Protein backbone atom coordinates (compact mmCIF):
# COMPACT_ATOMS: atom_id res chain seq x y z
CA MET A 1 0.02 0.03 -0.03
CA SER A 2 1.34 3.39 -0.94
CA ILE A 3 0.90 6.15 1.65
CA PRO A 4 1.72 9.84 1.28
CA VAL A 5 4.67 11.06 3.29
CA VAL A 6 5.40 14.37 5.00
CA LEU A 7 8.93 15.12 6.21
CA SER A 8 8.85 17.42 9.16
CA ILE A 9 12.06 19.36 10.01
CA ALA A 10 11.43 20.89 13.41
CA GLY A 11 12.20 20.86 17.15
CA SER A 12 11.05 18.28 19.71
CA ASP A 13 8.57 19.36 22.38
CA SER A 14 8.99 17.13 25.46
CA GLY A 15 5.42 18.16 26.51
CA GLY A 16 4.06 16.74 23.27
CA GLY A 17 1.79 19.58 22.28
CA ALA A 18 3.88 21.25 19.62
CA GLY A 19 6.81 20.75 17.35
CA ILE A 20 7.63 17.32 15.87
CA GLN A 21 5.15 15.63 18.21
CA ALA A 22 2.24 17.83 16.95
CA ASP A 23 3.30 17.21 13.37
CA ILE A 24 3.32 13.44 13.74
CA LYS A 25 -0.08 13.48 15.51
CA THR A 26 -1.60 15.69 12.79
CA CYS A 27 -0.32 13.60 9.93
CA GLN A 28 -1.49 10.40 11.58
CA GLU A 29 -5.00 11.81 12.02
CA LEU A 30 -5.05 12.84 8.38
CA GLY A 31 -3.90 9.49 7.04
CA VAL A 32 -0.34 10.53 6.15
CA TYR A 33 2.98 9.04 7.19
CA ALA A 34 5.23 11.39 9.05
CA ALA A 35 9.03 11.21 8.85
CA THR A 36 11.17 13.55 10.82
CA SER A 37 14.46 15.47 11.10
CA ILE A 38 14.85 16.97 14.60
CA THR A 39 16.59 20.36 14.77
CA ALA A 40 16.56 20.84 18.57
CA ILE A 41 15.52 19.17 21.77
CA THR A 42 13.50 21.29 24.11
CA ALA A 43 12.74 20.75 27.74
CA GLN A 44 9.27 22.23 28.01
CA ASN A 45 5.87 21.64 29.44
CA THR A 46 2.57 23.51 29.69
CA LEU A 47 4.31 26.36 31.54
CA GLY A 48 6.92 27.12 28.88
CA VAL A 49 10.39 26.23 27.62
CA GLN A 50 13.03 25.49 30.26
CA GLU A 51 15.97 24.45 28.10
CA ILE A 52 16.99 24.02 24.44
CA SER A 53 19.74 21.88 23.06
CA THR A 54 20.41 22.46 19.35
CA ILE A 55 21.21 19.53 17.04
CA GLU A 56 24.17 20.18 14.74
CA PRO A 57 23.17 21.23 11.18
CA GLU A 58 25.11 18.38 9.69
CA LEU A 59 23.13 15.80 11.67
CA VAL A 60 19.88 17.59 10.86
CA TYR A 61 20.86 17.34 7.20
CA ALA A 62 21.81 13.65 7.59
CA GLN A 63 18.43 12.79 9.15
CA ALA A 64 16.50 14.47 6.33
CA ASP A 65 18.79 13.17 3.59
CA ALA A 66 18.36 9.58 4.85
CA VAL A 67 14.65 9.94 4.61
CA LEU A 68 14.49 11.60 1.28
CA LYS A 69 16.87 9.29 -0.54
CA ASP A 70 15.09 6.19 0.63
CA ILE A 71 11.49 6.92 1.64
CA GLY A 72 10.95 10.22 -0.19
CA ALA A 73 8.33 12.76 0.74
CA GLN A 74 5.44 14.44 -1.08
CA SER A 75 5.63 17.41 1.29
CA LEU A 76 8.22 18.99 3.49
CA LYS A 77 7.19 21.09 6.47
CA THR A 78 9.54 23.16 8.58
CA GLY A 79 9.03 24.43 12.11
CA MET A 80 11.79 25.42 14.55
CA LEU A 81 15.02 25.90 12.44
CA VAL A 82 17.24 27.39 15.10
CA SER A 83 19.87 29.22 13.04
CA LYS A 84 20.90 30.39 9.59
CA HIS A 85 22.94 27.18 9.14
CA HIS A 86 19.89 24.96 9.63
CA ILE A 87 17.92 27.09 7.18
CA GLU A 88 20.68 26.88 4.53
CA MET A 89 20.72 23.12 5.05
CA VAL A 90 16.94 22.89 4.37
CA SER A 91 17.35 24.99 1.26
CA ARG A 92 20.03 22.60 -0.06
CA LEU A 93 17.82 19.59 0.59
CA ILE A 94 14.90 21.18 -1.29
CA ASP A 95 17.16 21.76 -4.28
CA LYS A 96 18.84 18.33 -4.13
CA TYR A 97 15.52 16.40 -4.08
CA ALA A 98 13.43 18.91 -6.06
CA VAL A 99 10.76 18.96 -3.27
CA LYS A 100 7.58 20.36 -4.73
CA ASN A 101 5.48 21.11 -1.66
CA VAL A 102 7.22 23.11 1.02
CA VAL A 103 5.25 24.51 4.00
CA VAL A 104 7.15 26.88 6.27
CA ASP A 105 5.91 27.79 9.77
CA PRO A 106 8.26 30.49 10.98
CA VAL A 107 8.92 29.50 14.56
CA ILE A 108 10.64 32.72 15.81
CA ALA A 109 9.64 32.60 19.50
CA SER A 110 7.71 30.29 21.75
CA THR A 111 4.31 31.21 23.00
CA SER A 112 5.89 31.92 26.40
CA GLY A 113 8.31 34.37 24.81
CA THR A 114 11.52 32.38 24.47
CA ALA A 115 13.50 33.55 21.36
CA LEU A 116 14.00 30.67 18.94
CA LEU A 117 15.53 32.34 15.91
CA ASP A 118 18.00 35.21 15.77
CA ASP A 119 18.42 38.09 13.24
CA GLU A 120 20.83 36.14 11.03
CA GLY A 121 18.31 33.29 10.99
CA ILE A 122 15.59 35.67 9.87
CA LYS A 123 17.85 36.97 7.15
CA ALA A 124 18.51 33.39 5.85
CA LEU A 125 14.80 32.61 6.12
CA ASN A 126 13.97 35.52 3.89
CA GLU A 127 16.79 35.03 1.34
CA LYS A 128 17.33 31.25 1.25
CA LEU A 129 14.05 29.45 2.20
CA LEU A 130 11.10 31.65 1.44
CA PRO A 131 11.89 31.73 -2.35
CA LYS A 132 11.51 27.95 -2.34
CA THR A 133 8.34 27.96 -0.15
CA THR A 134 4.92 26.85 -1.39
CA VAL A 135 2.85 27.98 1.67
CA PHE A 136 4.16 30.41 4.31
CA THR A 137 2.11 30.54 7.56
CA PRO A 138 3.19 33.37 9.83
CA ASN A 139 1.01 34.81 12.52
CA LEU A 140 0.75 38.63 12.96
CA PRO A 141 3.63 39.10 15.40
CA GLU A 142 5.86 36.90 13.14
CA ALA A 143 4.94 38.83 10.04
CA ALA A 144 5.68 42.13 11.80
CA PHE A 145 9.09 40.81 12.97
CA ILE A 146 10.04 39.50 9.55
CA LEU A 147 8.99 42.74 7.78
CA ASN A 148 10.34 45.05 10.51
CA ARG A 149 7.04 46.90 10.76
CA LYS A 150 4.22 47.24 13.24
CA GLU A 151 1.86 44.39 13.81
CA PRO A 152 -1.21 44.50 11.54
CA GLU A 153 -4.37 45.49 13.41
CA THR A 154 -6.98 45.43 10.55
CA ILE A 155 -7.80 43.33 7.49
CA ALA A 156 -6.49 46.16 5.31
CA GLU A 157 -3.12 46.12 7.18
CA MET A 158 -3.00 42.33 6.90
CA LYS A 159 -3.36 42.68 3.15
CA GLU A 160 -0.47 45.16 3.02
CA ALA A 161 1.72 42.75 5.05
CA ALA A 162 0.69 39.83 2.92
CA VAL A 163 1.76 41.59 -0.26
CA GLN A 164 5.14 42.35 1.27
CA LEU A 165 5.62 38.79 2.50
CA TYR A 166 4.71 37.47 -0.99
CA LYS A 167 7.52 39.59 -2.37
CA LEU A 168 9.98 37.46 -0.39
CA GLY A 169 9.14 34.52 -2.65
CA PRO A 170 6.47 32.13 -1.30
CA LYS A 171 3.74 31.09 -3.74
CA TYR A 172 1.01 31.38 -1.08
CA ILE A 173 0.87 33.46 2.07
CA VAL A 174 -1.46 32.42 4.86
CA LEU A 175 -1.43 35.25 7.36
CA LYS A 176 -3.01 34.00 10.56
CA GLY A 177 -5.09 36.61 12.28
CA GLY A 178 -5.63 34.99 15.62
CA HIS A 179 -4.18 38.01 17.35
CA LEU A 180 -6.89 40.30 16.04
CA LYS A 181 -10.07 41.01 17.98
CA GLY A 182 -13.30 39.42 16.91
CA ASP A 183 -13.60 36.32 14.70
CA ALA A 184 -10.62 34.18 13.92
CA THR A 185 -9.67 35.52 10.52
CA ASP A 186 -6.93 34.19 8.29
CA LEU A 187 -5.86 35.87 5.01
CA ILE A 188 -4.64 33.91 1.95
CA TYR A 189 -2.77 35.70 -0.80
CA ASP A 190 -1.38 34.13 -3.99
CA GLY A 191 0.03 37.15 -5.61
CA GLN A 192 -3.14 37.97 -7.49
CA GLN A 193 -6.10 37.78 -5.12
CA PHE A 194 -6.92 37.68 -1.44
CA GLU A 195 -9.30 35.19 0.24
CA VAL A 196 -10.38 35.56 3.81
CA LEU A 197 -11.22 32.51 5.95
CA VAL A 198 -13.36 33.36 8.93
CA SER A 199 -14.39 31.13 11.83
CA LYS A 200 -15.99 32.06 15.09
CA ARG A 201 -13.40 32.78 17.71
CA ILE A 202 -13.19 29.95 20.23
CA GLU A 203 -12.41 31.22 23.71
CA LYS A 204 -10.04 28.47 24.84
CA GLU A 205 -7.02 28.69 27.11
CA HIS A 206 -5.56 25.38 25.90
CA THR A 207 -4.10 26.26 22.48
CA HIS A 208 -0.50 25.04 22.66
CA GLY A 209 0.79 23.89 19.30
CA THR A 210 -1.75 25.59 17.05
CA GLY A 211 0.76 26.92 14.53
CA CYS A 212 2.61 23.64 14.17
CA THR A 213 -0.64 21.72 13.84
CA PHE A 214 -2.13 24.06 11.21
CA ALA A 215 1.01 24.01 9.05
CA SER A 216 1.47 20.25 9.23
CA ALA A 217 -2.18 19.83 8.30
CA ILE A 218 -1.56 21.84 5.16
CA ALA A 219 1.49 19.71 4.39
CA ALA A 220 -0.45 16.51 4.95
CA GLU A 221 -3.19 17.56 2.55
CA LEU A 222 -0.70 18.66 -0.05
CA ALA A 223 1.08 15.25 0.25
CA LYS A 224 -2.30 13.56 -0.47
CA GLY A 225 -2.58 15.55 -3.69
CA ASP A 226 -4.96 18.34 -2.78
CA ASP A 227 -4.48 21.71 -4.45
CA VAL A 228 -3.15 24.47 -2.30
CA MET A 229 -6.38 26.30 -1.60
CA GLN A 230 -8.22 23.14 -0.62
CA ALA A 231 -5.34 22.03 1.59
CA ILE A 232 -5.42 25.33 3.43
CA LYS A 233 -9.16 25.23 3.88
CA THR A 234 -9.09 21.62 5.23
CA ALA A 235 -6.29 22.61 7.60
CA LYS A 236 -8.40 25.52 8.86
CA VAL A 237 -11.25 23.14 9.71
CA PHE A 238 -8.72 20.65 11.31
CA ILE A 239 -7.21 23.34 13.60
CA THR A 240 -10.59 24.82 14.51
CA GLU A 241 -11.80 21.49 15.68
CA ALA A 242 -8.51 20.87 17.46
CA ILE A 243 -8.78 24.13 19.35
CA GLN A 244 -12.45 23.63 20.14
CA CYS A 245 -11.57 20.33 21.85
CA GLY A 246 -8.28 21.45 23.45
CA PHE A 247 -7.89 20.12 26.91
CA SER A 248 -6.30 20.86 30.29
CA LEU A 249 -2.95 19.17 30.97
CA GLY A 250 -0.42 20.11 33.62
CA ALA A 251 -0.49 23.52 35.39
CA GLY A 252 -0.35 25.81 32.33
CA LYS A 253 -1.58 25.99 28.74
CA GLY A 254 -2.74 22.62 27.46
CA PRO A 255 -2.61 21.32 23.92
CA THR A 256 -5.09 21.27 21.09
CA ASN A 257 -6.81 17.94 20.51
CA HIS A 258 -5.37 16.40 17.34
CA ALA A 259 -7.99 13.61 17.28
CA ALA A 260 -11.02 15.98 17.24
CA TYR A 261 -11.19 16.33 13.41
CA LYS A 262 -11.35 12.56 12.76
CA LEU A 263 -13.83 12.08 15.61
CA LYS A 264 -16.14 14.71 14.19
CA LYS A 265 -15.97 13.22 10.70
CA ALA A 266 -16.78 9.76 12.09
CA SER A 267 -19.78 11.11 14.01
CA GLU A 268 -21.07 12.80 10.82
CA GLU A 269 -20.86 9.55 8.93
């Protein structure tokens, strides 16, 4: 039996809610096989990140190279890339294996505020990786940081930011508007037109791993052969259900529920 494969190049979250662990769970729920290349090991829980140990770029490359030359992958998804050297390594891999579907989630800082990518890393992201990216999924603070401008506060300002992000090279921008007031509004831009995806805001405290989960859901759907717009829309439904069913775990912010999407579909059938 042939099964689509997503290769996730990202950090490990010992608490299980984000990073590689979230990517694997998301792919599993969407019927896709997840292979991994781990960029960093974090000691974290629901209260935040306590320690980070970075994996050498050569070993990150070796992990991904081993997967791609044997198993292959229909999609490549990146999360925490740590440094410019890791980003340059990913760029080389994309070229070497002519990876068609590349989903980039720019993990610049943790939810608790721990910096995860420095200025040199941002420069490498913009110059080396984004020109090879199919779908780029920054939230509003990340977009503001990358563009060195104030955080968008309206849909009009989101559109302006999306246009500027598109100029960096991605084929599709998905600017996540979760930090805006009101409904949860995401903006898609393909260089020609905008599409706004709106869902009712879910007032939930337990949302750890939303960015990783959303991006890996896009990658999973692309691996299965969906076109980009449909993949994004399916991922939006997936993350909305995951947030709706997020649950308390530990003493801080709990994770989204990666099983919620499949459970809802099963109940509807």
